[in-house]
N, C-alpha and C. Protein backbone atom coordinates (compact mmCIF):
# COMPACT_ATOMS: atom_id res chain seq x y z
N SER A 1 84.61 106.16 96.95
CA SER A 1 85.55 107.09 97.56
C SER A 1 85.13 108.49 97.46
N GLY A 2 85.50 109.31 98.45
CA GLY A 2 85.16 110.76 98.31
C GLY A 2 86.21 111.60 97.80
N GLU A 3 85.95 112.84 97.47
CA GLU A 3 86.87 113.75 96.83
C GLU A 3 88.17 113.87 97.60
N ARG A 4 88.03 113.83 98.98
CA ARG A 4 89.19 114.02 99.80
C ARG A 4 90.09 112.80 99.81
N ASP A 5 89.57 111.63 99.38
CA ASP A 5 90.32 110.37 99.20
C ASP A 5 91.09 110.18 97.96
N THR A 6 90.85 111.04 97.01
CA THR A 6 91.54 110.91 95.79
C THR A 6 92.69 111.84 95.68
N PRO A 7 93.75 111.43 95.08
CA PRO A 7 94.89 112.37 94.93
C PRO A 7 94.50 113.57 94.12
N ARG A 8 95.02 114.74 94.45
CA ARG A 8 94.75 115.94 93.74
C ARG A 8 95.03 115.77 92.23
N ARG A 9 96.08 115.15 91.86
CA ARG A 9 96.25 114.97 90.43
C ARG A 9 96.42 113.42 90.30
N LEU A 10 95.40 113.00 89.50
CA LEU A 10 95.36 111.59 89.26
C LEU A 10 95.31 111.40 87.74
N SER A 11 96.30 110.82 87.20
CA SER A 11 96.44 110.56 85.77
C SER A 11 96.44 108.99 85.70
N ASP A 12 95.42 108.42 84.98
CA ASP A 12 95.19 107.09 84.93
C ASP A 12 96.12 106.44 83.97
N ARG A 13 96.75 105.35 84.24
CA ARG A 13 97.43 104.45 83.41
C ARG A 13 97.01 103.04 83.69
N ILE A 14 96.84 102.30 82.68
CA ILE A 14 96.47 100.80 82.89
C ILE A 14 97.66 99.99 82.95
N VAL A 15 97.77 99.21 83.94
CA VAL A 15 98.98 98.26 84.13
C VAL A 15 98.27 96.91 84.06
N THR A 16 98.86 96.11 83.16
CA THR A 16 98.38 94.75 83.05
C THR A 16 99.48 93.79 83.68
N ILE A 17 98.99 92.95 84.60
CA ILE A 17 100.00 91.99 85.30
C ILE A 17 99.49 90.70 84.86
N SER A 18 100.34 89.90 84.19
CA SER A 18 100.04 88.47 83.91
C SER A 18 101.09 87.48 84.48
N GLY A 19 100.69 86.35 84.46
CA GLY A 19 101.47 85.27 85.12
C GLY A 19 100.72 84.34 86.01
N GLN A 20 101.34 83.42 86.73
CA GLN A 20 100.59 82.57 87.62
C GLN A 20 100.26 83.38 88.85
N ALA A 21 99.29 82.82 89.61
CA ALA A 21 98.67 83.61 90.76
C ALA A 21 99.81 84.11 91.73
N GLU A 22 100.74 83.25 92.08
CA GLU A 22 101.81 83.68 93.04
C GLU A 22 102.64 84.80 92.47
N GLN A 23 102.88 84.77 91.14
CA GLN A 23 103.70 85.73 90.45
C GLN A 23 102.97 87.14 90.39
N LYS A 24 101.68 87.07 90.09
CA LYS A 24 100.90 88.25 90.11
C LYS A 24 100.77 88.90 91.54
N GLU A 25 100.53 88.07 92.51
CA GLU A 25 100.56 88.54 93.94
C GLU A 25 101.80 89.23 94.28
N GLY A 26 103.06 88.61 93.91
CA GLY A 26 104.20 89.25 94.23
C GLY A 26 104.41 90.56 93.54
N ALA A 27 103.99 90.64 92.28
CA ALA A 27 104.03 91.89 91.56
C ALA A 27 103.20 92.98 92.20
N CYS A 28 102.02 92.64 92.57
CA CYS A 28 101.08 93.58 93.39
C CYS A 28 101.66 94.10 94.60
N ARG A 29 102.36 93.13 95.40
CA ARG A 29 103.00 93.49 96.65
C ARG A 29 104.11 94.55 96.23
N GLY A 30 104.95 94.12 95.26
CA GLY A 30 106.03 95.16 94.87
C GLY A 30 105.46 96.50 94.48
N ILE A 31 104.32 96.59 93.79
CA ILE A 31 103.78 97.82 93.38
C ILE A 31 103.36 98.61 94.63
N VAL A 32 102.65 97.95 95.56
CA VAL A 32 102.25 98.62 96.81
C VAL A 32 103.43 99.16 97.64
N GLU A 33 104.53 98.28 97.70
CA GLU A 33 105.63 98.68 98.42
C GLU A 33 106.20 100.05 97.86
N ARG A 34 106.35 100.11 96.56
CA ARG A 34 106.86 101.30 95.85
C ARG A 34 105.92 102.52 96.09
N LEU A 35 104.59 102.25 96.00
CA LEU A 35 103.58 103.33 96.22
C LEU A 35 103.79 103.88 97.71
N ARG A 36 103.95 102.95 98.64
CA ARG A 36 104.21 103.33 99.93
C ARG A 36 105.45 104.28 100.22
N ARG A 37 106.51 103.81 99.45
CA ARG A 37 107.72 104.65 99.50
C ARG A 37 107.56 106.04 98.89
N LEU A 38 106.74 106.02 97.73
CA LEU A 38 106.51 107.33 97.09
C LEU A 38 105.70 108.24 97.93
N GLN A 39 104.83 107.68 98.90
CA GLN A 39 104.05 108.44 99.82
C GLN A 39 104.76 108.67 101.00
N ASP A 40 106.00 108.23 101.09
CA ASP A 40 106.89 108.47 102.27
C ASP A 40 106.33 107.79 103.59
N LEU A 41 105.74 106.60 103.29
CA LEU A 41 105.17 105.81 104.41
C LEU A 41 106.10 104.74 104.76
N GLN A 42 106.90 104.81 105.92
CA GLN A 42 107.94 103.99 106.23
C GLN A 42 107.49 102.99 107.26
N ASP A 43 106.57 103.40 108.12
CA ASP A 43 106.02 102.45 109.15
C ASP A 43 104.90 101.74 108.46
N PRO A 44 104.95 100.39 108.59
CA PRO A 44 103.92 99.54 107.99
C PRO A 44 102.55 99.79 108.57
N LYS A 45 102.49 100.40 109.76
CA LYS A 45 101.14 100.71 110.26
C LYS A 45 100.59 102.07 109.82
N GLU A 46 101.37 102.95 109.13
CA GLU A 46 100.86 104.13 108.61
C GLU A 46 99.84 103.87 107.45
N VAL A 47 98.84 104.54 107.43
CA VAL A 47 97.84 104.35 106.37
C VAL A 47 98.13 104.95 105.05
N GLY A 48 98.12 104.25 104.01
CA GLY A 48 98.44 104.76 102.65
C GLY A 48 97.21 104.40 101.77
N PHE A 49 97.32 104.83 100.61
CA PHE A 49 96.21 104.46 99.61
C PHE A 49 96.81 104.22 98.21
N PHE A 50 96.08 103.51 97.46
CA PHE A 50 96.31 103.41 96.02
C PHE A 50 95.04 103.18 95.29
N VAL A 51 94.95 103.50 94.02
CA VAL A 51 93.68 103.30 93.30
C VAL A 51 93.81 102.15 92.41
N VAL A 52 92.80 101.39 92.34
CA VAL A 52 92.73 100.23 91.43
C VAL A 52 91.49 100.42 90.52
N ILE A 53 91.80 100.48 89.20
CA ILE A 53 90.73 100.62 88.26
C ILE A 53 90.33 99.17 87.85
N VAL A 54 89.03 98.83 88.00
CA VAL A 54 88.61 97.43 87.83
C VAL A 54 87.67 97.44 86.57
N PRO A 55 87.90 96.52 85.56
CA PRO A 55 86.97 96.48 84.43
C PRO A 55 85.56 96.25 84.89
N ALA A 56 84.65 97.01 84.24
CA ALA A 56 83.20 96.98 84.65
C ALA A 56 82.70 95.57 84.65
N SER A 57 83.22 94.70 83.73
CA SER A 57 82.74 93.33 83.65
C SER A 57 83.15 92.48 84.79
N SER A 58 84.19 92.98 85.55
CA SER A 58 84.66 92.25 86.77
C SER A 58 84.03 92.76 88.08
N VAL A 59 83.41 93.78 88.07
CA VAL A 59 82.75 94.36 89.21
C VAL A 59 81.97 93.29 89.90
N PRO A 60 80.90 92.73 89.22
CA PRO A 60 80.00 91.72 89.88
C PRO A 60 80.82 90.61 90.54
N VAL A 61 81.95 90.15 90.00
CA VAL A 61 82.71 89.06 90.57
C VAL A 61 83.35 89.56 91.91
N ILE A 62 83.88 90.77 91.81
CA ILE A 62 84.56 91.33 92.91
C ILE A 62 83.71 91.73 94.14
N VAL A 63 82.61 92.49 93.69
CA VAL A 63 81.62 92.88 94.66
C VAL A 63 80.68 91.82 95.18
N GLY A 64 80.19 90.95 94.29
CA GLY A 64 79.30 89.87 94.72
C GLY A 64 77.88 90.40 94.92
N ALA A 65 77.04 89.40 95.19
CA ALA A 65 75.59 89.79 95.49
C ALA A 65 75.57 90.61 96.68
N GLN A 66 74.85 91.78 96.50
CA GLN A 66 74.62 92.65 97.73
C GLN A 66 75.96 93.00 98.46
N GLY A 67 77.04 92.95 97.72
CA GLY A 67 78.44 93.33 98.34
C GLY A 67 79.03 92.20 99.20
N ALA A 68 78.44 90.96 99.10
CA ALA A 68 78.92 89.92 100.01
C ALA A 68 80.45 89.56 99.79
N THR A 69 80.86 89.48 98.44
CA THR A 69 82.31 89.15 98.20
C THR A 69 83.21 90.12 98.75
N ILE A 70 82.96 91.37 98.48
CA ILE A 70 83.88 92.49 98.93
C ILE A 70 83.92 92.63 100.44
N LYS A 71 82.74 92.44 101.03
CA LYS A 71 82.72 92.47 102.51
C LYS A 71 83.54 91.35 103.09
N GLU A 72 83.54 90.12 102.46
CA GLU A 72 84.39 89.06 102.92
C GLU A 72 85.88 89.37 102.82
N VAL A 73 86.24 89.91 101.61
CA VAL A 73 87.55 90.34 101.38
C VAL A 73 88.07 91.43 102.40
N LEU A 74 87.28 92.42 102.62
CA LEU A 74 87.64 93.43 103.56
C LEU A 74 87.75 92.85 104.91
N ALA A 75 86.79 92.03 105.33
CA ALA A 75 86.86 91.47 106.72
C ALA A 75 88.22 90.59 106.92
N ALA A 76 88.64 89.94 105.90
CA ALA A 76 89.92 89.17 105.97
C ALA A 76 91.15 90.10 106.01
N ALA A 77 90.95 91.28 105.42
CA ALA A 77 92.10 92.23 105.39
C ALA A 77 91.72 93.26 106.38
N GLU A 78 91.84 92.83 107.66
CA GLU A 78 91.60 93.77 108.84
C GLU A 78 92.15 95.12 108.66
N GLY A 79 91.33 96.17 108.91
CA GLY A 79 91.82 97.50 108.93
C GLY A 79 91.83 98.20 107.59
N VAL A 80 91.45 97.63 106.53
CA VAL A 80 91.45 98.07 105.13
C VAL A 80 90.15 98.77 104.93
N GLU A 81 90.19 99.90 104.26
CA GLU A 81 88.93 100.64 103.85
C GLU A 81 88.83 100.65 102.38
N LEU A 82 87.66 100.68 101.91
CA LEU A 82 87.47 100.63 100.41
C LEU A 82 86.68 101.91 100.13
C-alpha cells in the first residue's frame, strides 16, 4: 500500500479471533461492518478500507508461490484491492 492508502493516524492493536471457521468469519464480518460505519460508508458499494497485520510466518501461506494464492483470493473477491 502507498502512503495515501494508510490512515493518517494508525495505532496498531492486535486482535486475536478464535473459534470455528464459521464463527471467525462472522466475527470478521462484524468487524468490517463496524469499520464501515466508523468511516461513514452506508452504501455497500462505497469503497472502504481496513488494515490487516499478518504474522510474517503466515505470509507465504497467504501470498503463495509468486503471489498465486493471493491472486486467486483477489479474483474471487471481485473489485477488492490489496
